Amino acid sequence: MGITKPLKKGSKRYWRAIVRAHINVMRLYRDVVKIRLQLRENNLKDLEEAVTMFNDVAKAWLVSKIKKPLMSIVADSSLNLDFTDERASMEVREQRLMRLKVRVKGIVHDVAMGVDASLPLPLLNFFKTLSKEGAYIPDGFLTPFELTRLRLDDYGSVTSMSQD
């Protein structure tokens, strides 16, 4: 095209240019929304696959941490930990409860100590991916309590996390 004349305010060309500018801005916004939704969909698909894979990794790590105290419960066939048995005396029920507490404490202790020392690196990296800003959290992955600690944008992306 050639050189165009300046637009006169209030002219038909002026209003047409305003409408076209508005339409182009709306198209641009629609395209950005479309790209963000596609990005969200792709990330959620990848994360859902990763969740199933890392679920197995986490289970294997957890089993390795609780194997010893759990085996002490399973291996001893004479061990009775039923502290709710009404037929047993109060002293026997208290002893059973104490045995159960010791074993549960052993399980919790082994898991807590193992988190610092031996959590598999791929699992740590997965948690880092989930906890960074801009990450999309798969539906049903977090509890309602955990979700209250997150701030999400309109597309479900994490914008910030509470430190509480």
N, C-alpha and C. Protein backbone atom coordinates (compact mmCIF):
# COMPACT_ATOMS: atom_id res chain seq x y z
N MET A 1 0.85 -1.18 0.00
CA MET A 1 0.00 0.00 0.00
C MET A 1 0.89 1.23 0.00
N GLY A 2 0.32 2.30 -0.15
CA GLY A 2 1.08 3.55 -0.18
C GLY A 2 1.02 4.25 1.16
N ILE A 3 1.34 5.49 1.09
CA ILE A 3 1.28 6.31 2.30
C ILE A 3 -0.18 6.60 2.58
N THR A 4 -0.56 6.39 3.82
CA THR A 4 -1.96 6.63 4.17
C THR A 4 -2.08 7.98 4.85
N LYS A 5 -3.23 8.55 4.67
CA LYS A 5 -3.50 9.84 5.30
C LYS A 5 -3.73 9.63 6.79
N PRO A 6 -3.41 10.62 7.59
CA PRO A 6 -3.69 10.50 9.01
C PRO A 6 -5.20 10.38 9.24
N LEU A 7 -5.51 9.65 10.31
CA LEU A 7 -6.92 9.45 10.63
C LEU A 7 -7.49 10.69 11.29
N LYS A 8 -8.68 11.06 10.83
CA LYS A 8 -9.37 12.17 11.47
C LYS A 8 -10.22 11.59 12.59
N LYS A 9 -10.12 12.23 13.74
CA LYS A 9 -10.88 11.78 14.89
C LYS A 9 -12.36 11.89 14.58
N GLY A 10 -13.06 10.78 14.82
CA GLY A 10 -14.50 10.75 14.57
C GLY A 10 -14.86 10.26 13.18
N SER A 11 -13.87 10.08 12.30
CA SER A 11 -14.17 9.61 10.95
C SER A 11 -14.47 8.11 10.96
N LYS A 12 -14.99 7.64 9.86
CA LYS A 12 -15.31 6.22 9.72
C LYS A 12 -14.04 5.38 9.81
N ARG A 13 -12.97 5.82 9.17
CA ARG A 13 -11.70 5.10 9.23
C ARG A 13 -11.15 5.06 10.65
N TYR A 14 -11.35 6.12 11.40
CA TYR A 14 -10.88 6.20 12.78
C TYR A 14 -11.58 5.14 13.63
N TRP A 15 -12.89 5.06 13.52
CA TRP A 15 -13.65 4.07 14.32
C TRP A 15 -13.35 2.65 13.86
N ARG A 16 -13.17 2.48 12.56
CA ARG A 16 -12.82 1.16 12.04
C ARG A 16 -11.46 0.72 12.60
N ALA A 17 -10.50 1.62 12.69
CA ALA A 17 -9.17 1.31 13.24
C ALA A 17 -9.28 0.95 14.73
N ILE A 18 -10.12 1.65 15.47
CA ILE A 18 -10.31 1.33 16.89
C ILE A 18 -10.91 -0.06 17.04
N VAL A 19 -11.91 -0.39 16.25
CA VAL A 19 -12.55 -1.71 16.32
C VAL A 19 -11.56 -2.80 15.94
N ARG A 20 -10.78 -2.57 14.87
CA ARG A 20 -9.79 -3.57 14.47
C ARG A 20 -8.73 -3.77 15.54
N ALA A 21 -8.28 -2.69 16.16
CA ALA A 21 -7.30 -2.81 17.24
C ALA A 21 -7.88 -3.62 18.40
N HIS A 22 -9.12 -3.36 18.73
CA HIS A 22 -9.78 -4.11 19.82
C HIS A 22 -9.92 -5.59 19.45
N ILE A 23 -10.33 -5.85 18.23
CA ILE A 23 -10.47 -7.24 17.79
C ILE A 23 -9.13 -7.95 17.82
N ASN A 24 -8.07 -7.30 17.39
CA ASN A 24 -6.73 -7.92 17.40
C ASN A 24 -6.25 -8.18 18.83
N VAL A 25 -6.51 -7.26 19.74
CA VAL A 25 -6.14 -7.47 21.14
C VAL A 25 -6.91 -8.67 21.70
N MET A 26 -8.17 -8.78 21.39
CA MET A 26 -8.98 -9.91 21.87
C MET A 26 -8.49 -11.23 21.27
N ARG A 27 -8.11 -11.22 20.00
CA ARG A 27 -7.55 -12.43 19.38
C ARG A 27 -6.25 -12.84 20.06
N LEU A 28 -5.42 -11.85 20.32
CA LEU A 28 -4.16 -12.11 21.00
C LEU A 28 -4.42 -12.71 22.39
N TYR A 29 -5.35 -12.14 23.13
CA TYR A 29 -5.70 -12.66 24.45
C TYR A 29 -6.23 -14.10 24.34
N ARG A 30 -7.09 -14.35 23.38
CA ARG A 30 -7.64 -15.69 23.17
C ARG A 30 -6.54 -16.69 22.84
N ASP A 31 -5.58 -16.27 22.02
CA ASP A 31 -4.46 -17.16 21.68
C ASP A 31 -3.59 -17.45 22.89
N VAL A 32 -3.35 -16.44 23.73
CA VAL A 32 -2.57 -16.64 24.95
C VAL A 32 -3.28 -17.62 25.88
N VAL A 33 -4.58 -17.45 26.05
CA VAL A 33 -5.36 -18.37 26.89
C VAL A 33 -5.30 -19.78 26.33
N LYS A 34 -5.43 -19.90 25.04
CA LYS A 34 -5.37 -21.21 24.39
C LYS A 34 -4.01 -21.88 24.62
N ILE A 35 -2.94 -21.11 24.49
CA ILE A 35 -1.59 -21.65 24.71
C ILE A 35 -1.41 -22.06 26.17
N ARG A 36 -1.88 -21.23 27.11
CA ARG A 36 -1.75 -21.57 28.53
C ARG A 36 -2.54 -22.84 28.87
N LEU A 37 -3.73 -22.97 28.32
CA LEU A 37 -4.53 -24.18 28.58
C LEU A 37 -3.88 -25.42 27.98
N GLN A 38 -3.29 -25.28 26.80
CA GLN A 38 -2.58 -26.40 26.18
C GLN A 38 -1.36 -26.78 27.01
N LEU A 39 -0.62 -25.78 27.49
CA LEU A 39 0.53 -26.03 28.35
C LEU A 39 0.11 -26.74 29.63
N ARG A 40 -1.00 -26.28 30.22
CA ARG A 40 -1.52 -26.92 31.43
C ARG A 40 -1.88 -28.37 31.17
N GLU A 41 -2.57 -28.61 30.07
CA GLU A 41 -2.99 -29.97 29.73
C GLU A 41 -1.78 -30.89 29.53
N ASN A 42 -0.77 -30.41 28.82
CA ASN A 42 0.43 -31.21 28.58
C ASN A 42 1.18 -31.49 29.88
N ASN A 43 1.34 -30.45 30.72
CA ASN A 43 2.04 -30.63 31.99
C ASN A 43 1.29 -31.59 32.92
N LEU A 44 -0.02 -31.46 32.98
CA LEU A 44 -0.80 -32.36 33.83
C LEU A 44 -0.71 -33.81 33.35
N LYS A 45 -0.71 -34.00 32.05
CA LYS A 45 -0.58 -35.34 31.50
C LYS A 45 0.77 -35.95 31.89
N ASP A 46 1.83 -35.15 31.74
CA ASP A 46 3.17 -35.62 32.12
C ASP A 46 3.26 -35.88 33.62
N LEU A 47 2.68 -35.00 34.42
CA LEU A 47 2.74 -35.17 35.88
C LEU A 47 1.95 -36.38 36.35
N GLU A 48 0.82 -36.65 35.72
CA GLU A 48 0.04 -37.82 36.11
C GLU A 48 0.81 -39.10 35.83
N GLU A 49 1.53 -39.14 34.71
CA GLU A 49 2.37 -40.29 34.42
C GLU A 49 3.51 -40.39 35.44
N ALA A 50 4.09 -39.24 35.78
CA ALA A 50 5.18 -39.22 36.75
C ALA A 50 4.70 -39.63 38.14
N VAL A 51 3.49 -39.23 38.49
CA VAL A 51 2.96 -39.58 39.82
C VAL A 51 2.85 -41.10 39.94
N THR A 52 2.36 -41.77 38.93
CA THR A 52 2.24 -43.23 39.02
C THR A 52 3.62 -43.88 39.09
N MET A 53 4.58 -43.34 38.32
CA MET A 53 5.92 -43.91 38.35
C MET A 53 6.59 -43.67 39.70
N PHE A 54 6.54 -42.44 40.20
CA PHE A 54 7.20 -42.11 41.46
C PHE A 54 6.46 -42.66 42.67
N ASN A 55 5.20 -43.02 42.48
CA ASN A 55 4.47 -43.70 43.54
C ASN A 55 5.13 -45.03 43.85
N ASP A 56 5.52 -45.74 42.80
CA ASP A 56 6.22 -47.01 42.99
C ASP A 56 7.59 -46.80 43.63
N VAL A 57 8.30 -45.74 43.22
CA VAL A 57 9.60 -45.44 43.81
C VAL A 57 9.44 -45.12 45.30
N ALA A 58 8.43 -44.31 45.62
CA ALA A 58 8.19 -43.95 47.03
C ALA A 58 7.80 -45.17 47.86
N LYS A 59 6.98 -46.05 47.30
CA LYS A 59 6.60 -47.27 48.02
C LYS A 59 7.82 -48.14 48.30
N ALA A 60 8.68 -48.30 47.31
CA ALA A 60 9.89 -49.12 47.49
C ALA A 60 10.79 -48.51 48.56
N TRP A 61 10.95 -47.19 48.54
CA TRP A 61 11.76 -46.53 49.55
C TRP A 61 11.14 -46.70 50.94
N LEU A 62 9.84 -46.52 51.02
CA LEU A 62 9.14 -46.65 52.31
C LEU A 62 9.24 -48.07 52.86
N VAL A 63 9.08 -49.05 52.00
CA VAL A 63 9.21 -50.45 52.44
C VAL A 63 10.61 -50.70 52.98
N SER A 64 11.62 -50.15 52.32
CA SER A 64 12.99 -50.37 52.81
C SER A 64 13.21 -49.73 54.17
N LYS A 65 12.48 -48.66 54.46
CA LYS A 65 12.63 -47.98 55.75
C LYS A 65 11.87 -48.68 56.88
N ILE A 66 10.73 -49.27 56.58
CA ILE A 66 9.90 -49.85 57.66
C ILE A 66 9.98 -51.37 57.72
N LYS A 67 10.83 -51.94 56.92
CA LYS A 67 10.90 -53.40 56.84
C LYS A 67 11.24 -54.03 58.18
N LYS A 68 12.26 -53.52 58.85
CA LYS A 68 12.72 -54.12 60.10
C LYS A 68 11.64 -54.09 61.20
N PRO A 69 11.06 -52.93 61.53
CA PRO A 69 10.01 -52.96 62.57
C PRO A 69 8.77 -53.72 62.14
N LEU A 70 8.44 -53.67 60.87
CA LEU A 70 7.27 -54.39 60.39
C LEU A 70 7.48 -55.90 60.45
N MET A 71 8.68 -56.33 60.10
CA MET A 71 8.99 -57.76 60.16
C MET A 71 8.97 -58.27 61.60
N SER A 72 9.32 -57.41 62.56
CA SER A 72 9.27 -57.85 63.96
C SER A 72 7.83 -58.12 64.39
N ILE A 73 6.89 -57.47 63.76
CA ILE A 73 5.47 -57.71 64.07
C ILE A 73 4.99 -58.97 63.35
N VAL A 74 5.33 -59.10 62.08
CA VAL A 74 4.83 -60.21 61.26
C VAL A 74 5.51 -61.53 61.63
N ALA A 75 6.80 -61.49 61.91
CA ALA A 75 7.56 -62.72 62.13
C ALA A 75 7.19 -63.42 63.43
N ASP A 76 6.82 -62.68 64.44
CA ASP A 76 6.50 -63.27 65.74
C ASP A 76 5.02 -63.66 65.77
N SER A 77 4.75 -64.95 65.53
CA SER A 77 3.35 -65.40 65.47
C SER A 77 2.68 -65.40 66.84
N SER A 78 3.47 -65.43 67.90
CA SER A 78 2.88 -65.42 69.24
C SER A 78 2.59 -64.00 69.74
N LEU A 79 3.02 -63.00 68.97
CA LEU A 79 2.83 -61.61 69.38
C LEU A 79 1.37 -61.22 69.21
N ASN A 80 0.76 -60.77 70.28
CA ASN A 80 -0.61 -60.32 70.25
C ASN A 80 -0.62 -58.84 70.64
N LEU A 81 -1.02 -57.98 69.71
CA LEU A 81 -1.03 -56.54 69.96
C LEU A 81 -2.44 -55.99 70.12
N ASP A 82 -3.41 -56.87 70.29
CA ASP A 82 -4.79 -56.43 70.43
C ASP A 82 -5.04 -55.91 71.85
N PHE A 83 -4.92 -54.61 72.01
CA PHE A 83 -5.11 -54.02 73.33
C PHE A 83 -6.57 -53.68 73.61
N THR A 84 -7.47 -54.01 72.68
CA THR A 84 -8.90 -53.77 72.89
C THR A 84 -9.64 -55.02 73.34
N ASP A 85 -8.91 -56.13 73.49
CA ASP A 85 -9.52 -57.41 73.89
C ASP A 85 -10.06 -57.29 75.32
N GLU A 86 -11.37 -57.36 75.45
CA GLU A 86 -12.03 -57.21 76.76
C GLU A 86 -11.74 -58.39 77.68
N ARG A 87 -11.41 -59.53 77.12
CA ARG A 87 -11.16 -60.72 77.94
C ARG A 87 -9.82 -60.66 78.67
N ALA A 88 -8.89 -59.86 78.15
CA ALA A 88 -7.57 -59.75 78.78
C ALA A 88 -7.63 -58.77 79.95
N SER A 89 -6.75 -58.99 80.90
CA SER A 89 -6.72 -58.09 82.06
C SER A 89 -6.17 -56.74 81.64
N MET A 90 -6.40 -55.74 82.48
CA MET A 90 -5.94 -54.39 82.18
C MET A 90 -4.42 -54.34 82.05
N GLU A 91 -3.72 -55.11 82.86
CA GLU A 91 -2.25 -55.13 82.82
C GLU A 91 -1.76 -55.70 81.48
N VAL A 92 -2.39 -56.76 81.02
CA VAL A 92 -2.02 -57.38 79.73
C VAL A 92 -2.33 -56.42 78.58
N ARG A 93 -3.46 -55.76 78.65
CA ARG A 93 -3.82 -54.81 77.59
C ARG A 93 -2.83 -53.65 77.54
N GLU A 94 -2.40 -53.17 78.70
CA GLU A 94 -1.41 -52.08 78.74
C GLU A 94 -0.07 -52.54 78.18
N GLN A 95 0.31 -53.79 78.45
CA GLN A 95 1.56 -54.31 77.89
C GLN A 95 1.47 -54.40 76.36
N ARG A 96 0.32 -54.86 75.87
CA ARG A 96 0.13 -54.95 74.42
C ARG A 96 0.18 -53.56 73.77
N LEU A 97 -0.46 -52.60 74.43
CA LEU A 97 -0.44 -51.23 73.91
C LEU A 97 0.99 -50.70 73.89
N MET A 98 1.74 -50.97 74.92
CA MET A 98 3.13 -50.50 74.98
C MET A 98 3.97 -51.13 73.87
N ARG A 99 3.78 -52.43 73.61
CA ARG A 99 4.50 -53.10 72.52
C ARG A 99 4.15 -52.47 71.17
N LEU A 100 2.87 -52.19 70.99
CA LEU A 100 2.43 -51.58 69.75
C LEU A 100 3.02 -50.17 69.60
N LYS A 101 3.03 -49.40 70.67
CA LYS A 101 3.61 -48.05 70.63
C LYS A 101 5.09 -48.10 70.25
N VAL A 102 5.81 -49.06 70.82
CA VAL A 102 7.24 -49.17 70.52
C VAL A 102 7.45 -49.46 69.04
N ARG A 103 6.66 -50.35 68.48
CA ARG A 103 6.82 -50.69 67.07
C ARG A 103 6.41 -49.53 66.15
N VAL A 104 5.32 -48.86 66.49
CA VAL A 104 4.89 -47.71 65.68
C VAL A 104 5.94 -46.60 65.76
N LYS A 105 6.49 -46.38 66.96
CA LYS A 105 7.54 -45.38 67.12
C LYS A 105 8.76 -45.73 66.27
N GLY A 106 9.10 -47.01 66.21
CA GLY A 106 10.21 -47.45 65.38
C GLY A 106 9.96 -47.18 63.92
N ILE A 107 8.75 -47.41 63.46
CA ILE A 107 8.40 -47.16 62.06
C ILE A 107 8.50 -45.67 61.76
N VAL A 108 7.90 -44.84 62.62
CA VAL A 108 7.92 -43.39 62.39
C VAL A 108 9.36 -42.86 62.45
N HIS A 109 10.14 -43.35 63.39
CA HIS A 109 11.53 -42.92 63.51
C HIS A 109 12.34 -43.28 62.28
N ASP A 110 12.20 -44.51 61.80
CA ASP A 110 12.95 -44.95 60.62
C ASP A 110 12.58 -44.14 59.38
N VAL A 111 11.30 -43.82 59.24
CA VAL A 111 10.87 -43.02 58.09
C VAL A 111 11.42 -41.60 58.22
N ALA A 112 11.30 -41.01 59.41
CA ALA A 112 11.77 -39.64 59.61
C ALA A 112 13.27 -39.52 59.39
N MET A 113 14.04 -40.47 59.87
CA MET A 113 15.49 -40.42 59.69
C MET A 113 15.87 -40.70 58.24
N GLY A 114 15.09 -41.51 57.56
CA GLY A 114 15.39 -41.86 56.18
C GLY A 114 15.12 -40.74 55.20
N VAL A 115 14.22 -39.80 55.55
CA VAL A 115 13.90 -38.70 54.65
C VAL A 115 15.13 -37.84 54.41
N ASP A 116 15.88 -37.58 55.47
CA ASP A 116 17.08 -36.74 55.32
C ASP A 116 18.21 -37.48 54.61
N ALA A 117 18.36 -38.74 54.93
CA ALA A 117 19.56 -39.45 54.50
C ALA A 117 19.43 -40.18 53.17
N SER A 118 18.32 -40.85 52.95
CA SER A 118 18.31 -41.79 51.84
C SER A 118 17.15 -41.66 50.87
N LEU A 119 16.46 -40.53 50.87
CA LEU A 119 15.38 -40.36 49.91
C LEU A 119 15.99 -40.37 48.51
N PRO A 120 15.48 -41.19 47.60
CA PRO A 120 16.07 -41.28 46.26
C PRO A 120 16.08 -39.93 45.55
N LEU A 121 17.18 -39.63 44.87
CA LEU A 121 17.34 -38.36 44.17
C LEU A 121 16.24 -38.10 43.14
N PRO A 122 15.82 -39.10 42.34
CA PRO A 122 14.73 -38.83 41.40
C PRO A 122 13.43 -38.42 42.11
N LEU A 123 13.17 -39.01 43.27
CA LEU A 123 11.97 -38.65 44.03
C LEU A 123 12.09 -37.23 44.57
N LEU A 124 13.27 -36.86 45.04
CA LEU A 124 13.50 -35.48 45.49
C LEU A 124 13.28 -34.49 44.34
N ASN A 125 13.80 -34.81 43.18
CA ASN A 125 13.63 -33.93 42.01
C ASN A 125 12.17 -33.81 41.62
N PHE A 126 11.42 -34.91 41.74
CA PHE A 126 9.99 -34.87 41.44
C PHE A 126 9.28 -33.93 42.40
N PHE A 127 9.61 -34.01 43.70
CA PHE A 127 8.99 -33.11 44.68
C PHE A 127 9.37 -31.66 44.41
N LYS A 128 10.61 -31.42 43.97
CA LYS A 128 11.03 -30.07 43.62
C LYS A 128 10.21 -29.54 42.45
N THR A 129 9.97 -30.41 41.46
CA THR A 129 9.17 -30.01 40.30
C THR A 129 7.76 -29.64 40.71
N LEU A 130 7.19 -30.42 41.61
CA LEU A 130 5.83 -30.14 42.07
C LEU A 130 5.74 -28.87 42.91
N SER A 131 6.81 -28.54 43.60
CA SER A 131 6.75 -27.44 44.55
C SER A 131 7.27 -26.10 44.03
N LYS A 132 7.64 -26.04 42.77
CA LYS A 132 8.12 -24.76 42.25
C LYS A 132 6.96 -23.94 41.69
N GLU A 133 7.18 -22.64 41.65
CA GLU A 133 6.15 -21.77 41.10
C GLU A 133 5.98 -22.05 39.61
N GLY A 134 4.73 -22.02 39.18
CA GLY A 134 4.42 -22.30 37.78
C GLY A 134 4.06 -23.76 37.53
N ALA A 135 4.18 -24.60 38.55
CA ALA A 135 3.86 -26.02 38.40
C ALA A 135 2.34 -26.21 38.42
N TYR A 136 1.89 -27.21 37.72
CA TYR A 136 0.49 -27.59 37.72
C TYR A 136 0.36 -28.86 38.57
N ILE A 137 -0.58 -28.86 39.49
CA ILE A 137 -0.78 -29.99 40.39
C ILE A 137 -1.94 -30.83 39.85
N PRO A 138 -1.72 -32.14 39.64
CA PRO A 138 -2.81 -32.99 39.14
C PRO A 138 -3.99 -33.02 40.12
N ASP A 139 -5.18 -33.12 39.57
CA ASP A 139 -6.38 -33.20 40.40
C ASP A 139 -6.33 -34.43 41.29
N GLY A 140 -6.70 -34.25 42.54
CA GLY A 140 -6.75 -35.36 43.47
C GLY A 140 -5.40 -35.74 44.06
N PHE A 141 -4.32 -35.04 43.68
CA PHE A 141 -3.00 -35.38 44.19
C PHE A 141 -2.79 -34.84 45.60
N LEU A 142 -3.29 -33.65 45.87
CA LEU A 142 -3.12 -33.04 47.18
C LEU A 142 -4.43 -33.09 47.97
N THR A 143 -4.29 -33.08 49.28
CA THR A 143 -5.46 -33.06 50.15
C THR A 143 -6.03 -31.64 50.18
N PRO A 144 -7.28 -31.48 50.62
CA PRO A 144 -7.85 -30.12 50.73
C PRO A 144 -7.01 -29.22 51.63
N PHE A 145 -6.44 -29.78 52.71
CA PHE A 145 -5.59 -28.98 53.59
C PHE A 145 -4.37 -28.47 52.85
N GLU A 146 -3.75 -29.32 52.06
CA GLU A 146 -2.56 -28.91 51.30
C GLU A 146 -2.92 -27.85 50.25
N LEU A 147 -4.09 -28.01 49.64
CA LEU A 147 -4.52 -27.04 48.64
C LEU A 147 -4.77 -25.66 49.23
N THR A 148 -5.19 -25.60 50.52
CA THR A 148 -5.40 -24.29 51.14
C THR A 148 -4.08 -23.56 51.34
N ARG A 149 -2.97 -24.26 51.32
CA ARG A 149 -1.65 -23.66 51.51
C ARG A 149 -1.07 -23.12 50.19
N LEU A 150 -1.75 -23.35 49.09
CA LEU A 150 -1.27 -22.92 47.78
C LEU A 150 -2.10 -21.76 47.24
N ARG A 151 -1.46 -20.93 46.47
CA ARG A 151 -2.18 -19.92 45.70
C ARG A 151 -2.03 -20.31 44.23
N LEU A 152 -3.15 -20.45 43.56
CA LEU A 152 -3.15 -20.86 42.16
C LEU A 152 -3.69 -19.73 41.30
N ASP A 153 -3.19 -19.64 40.07
CA ASP A 153 -3.74 -18.65 39.15
C ASP A 153 -5.00 -19.22 38.49
N ASP A 154 -5.56 -18.49 37.54
CA ASP A 154 -6.81 -18.90 36.90
C ASP A 154 -6.69 -20.21 36.13
N TYR A 155 -5.46 -20.60 35.80
CA TYR A 155 -5.25 -21.80 35.01
C TYR A 155 -4.82 -23.00 35.87
N GLY A 156 -4.71 -22.79 37.18
CA GLY A 156 -4.33 -23.87 38.08
C GLY A 156 -2.84 -23.99 38.31
N SER A 157 -2.08 -22.99 37.91
CA SER A 157 -0.65 -22.99 38.11
C SER A 157 -0.32 -22.41 39.49
N VAL A 158 0.67 -23.00 40.17
CA VAL A 158 1.05 -22.51 41.49
C VAL A 158 1.73 -21.16 41.35
N THR A 159 1.21 -20.17 42.11
CA THR A 159 1.85 -18.85 42.10
C THR A 159 2.65 -18.62 43.37
N SER A 160 2.21 -19.21 44.47
CA SER A 160 2.99 -19.12 45.72
C SER A 160 2.50 -20.18 46.68
N MET A 161 3.35 -20.46 47.68
CA MET A 161 3.03 -21.47 48.70
C MET A 161 3.19 -20.86 50.07
N SER A 162 2.31 -21.26 50.97
CA SER A 162 2.40 -20.79 52.35
C SER A 162 3.55 -21.50 53.04
N GLN A 163 4.25 -20.81 53.91
CA GLN A 163 5.37 -21.40 54.64
C GLN A 163 4.92 -21.99 55.97
N ASP A 164 3.63 -21.93 56.27
CA ASP A 164 3.11 -22.45 57.55
C ASP A 164 3.23 -23.95 57.64
